[in-house]
């Protein structure tokens, strides 16, 4: 049985990508708008990394999608706990 192919959109530095690989997925592409995330991802993970606004990426290139939980409450709070109604 071959591994399921995955793509990690809005990947950040690659936490979900690492989990996908550890779970046996064949991660083909990770993408994020932040170039610093790309440097970390490329240093630690084997998949291709695309630094781009996902709205500008050809949909034909992305066939399998993976989504992680939103982390905006962490990144926007700058370390301070905030209430998030989600």
Protein backbone atom coordinates (compact mmCIF):
# COMPACT_ATOMS: atom_id res chain seq x y z
CA UNK A 1 0.00 0.00 0.00
CA UNK A 2 1.44 3.40 -0.96
CA UNK A 3 1.42 6.43 1.31
CA UNK A 4 -1.32 9.01 0.94
CA UNK A 5 -0.05 12.20 -0.69
CA UNK A 6 -0.50 15.41 1.30
CA UNK A 7 -0.01 19.15 0.97
CA UNK A 8 0.29 21.45 4.00
CA UNK A 9 -1.14 24.90 3.28
CA UNK A 10 -0.48 27.78 5.71
CA UNK A 11 2.18 25.50 7.16
CA UNK A 12 4.14 27.88 9.32
CA UNK A 13 7.46 26.36 10.34
CA UNK A 14 6.21 22.81 9.78
CA UNK A 15 4.65 21.34 12.92
CA UNK A 16 1.71 19.84 11.04
CA UNK A 17 4.04 18.81 8.21
CA UNK A 18 6.18 16.89 10.68
CA UNK A 19 3.06 15.18 12.03
CA UNK A 20 1.91 14.23 8.55
CA UNK A 21 5.29 12.71 7.71
CA UNK A 22 5.38 10.92 11.07
CA UNK A 23 1.90 9.58 10.36
CA UNK A 24 3.06 8.00 7.13
CA UNK A 25 1.85 10.62 4.64
CA UNK A 26 3.91 11.49 1.58
CA UNK A 27 4.19 15.27 2.03
CA UNK A 28 4.81 16.76 -1.39
CA UNK A 29 4.42 20.48 -0.72
CA UNK A 30 4.17 22.93 2.14
CA UNK A 31 3.26 26.57 1.59
CA UNK A 32 3.26 29.73 3.65
CA UNK A 33 3.51 33.45 2.96
CA UNK A 34 6.30 33.94 5.50
CA UNK A 35 9.82 33.37 4.09
CA UNK A 36 11.24 32.71 7.58
CA UNK A 37 8.92 29.72 7.91
CA UNK A 38 10.30 28.43 4.63
CA UNK A 39 13.86 28.54 5.96
CA UNK A 40 12.92 26.54 9.05
CA UNK A 41 10.83 24.09 7.05
CA UNK A 42 13.55 23.49 4.46
CA UNK A 43 16.15 22.93 7.18
CA UNK A 44 14.08 20.25 8.92
CA UNK A 45 11.75 18.60 6.42
CA UNK A 46 12.23 16.97 3.01
CA UNK A 47 9.20 18.35 1.17
CA UNK A 48 9.21 21.23 -1.28
CA UNK A 49 8.34 24.59 0.32
CA UNK A 50 6.55 27.34 -1.53
CA UNK A 51 6.72 30.92 -0.27
CA UNK A 52 3.65 32.50 -1.84
CA UNK A 53 0.24 33.97 -1.32
CA UNK A 54 -1.93 30.89 -1.71
CA UNK A 55 -4.44 32.93 -3.73
CA UNK A 56 -1.80 33.14 -6.47
CA UNK A 57 -1.02 29.40 -6.62
CA UNK A 58 -2.40 27.36 -9.50
CA UNK A 59 -5.07 25.03 -8.05
CA UNK A 60 -3.94 22.24 -10.38
CA UNK A 61 -0.69 22.09 -8.40
CA UNK A 62 -2.52 21.44 -5.13
CA UNK A 63 -4.63 18.29 -5.19
CA UNK A 64 -4.65 17.13 -1.56
CA UNK A 65 -5.27 19.53 1.29
CA UNK A 66 -4.50 19.41 4.99
CA UNK A 67 -5.68 21.93 7.54
CA UNK A 68 -4.60 22.41 11.12
CA UNK A 69 -6.38 24.22 13.92
CA UNK A 70 -6.26 28.03 13.72
CA UNK A 71 -3.52 29.52 15.84
CA UNK A 72 -4.43 33.18 15.44
CA UNK A 73 -5.18 33.48 19.16
CA UNK A 74 -1.54 32.58 19.83
CA UNK A 75 0.17 34.64 17.16
CA UNK A 76 -1.99 37.74 17.62
CA UNK A 77 -1.69 37.75 21.40
CA UNK A 78 2.12 37.89 21.42
CA UNK A 79 2.28 35.46 24.30
CA UNK A 80 -0.66 36.88 26.28
CA UNK A 81 -3.64 34.66 26.86
CA UNK A 82 -6.80 35.90 25.22
CA UNK A 83 -10.30 34.49 25.09
CA UNK A 84 -11.24 33.06 21.73
CA UNK A 85 -14.90 32.26 21.12
CA UNK A 86 -14.12 29.62 18.51
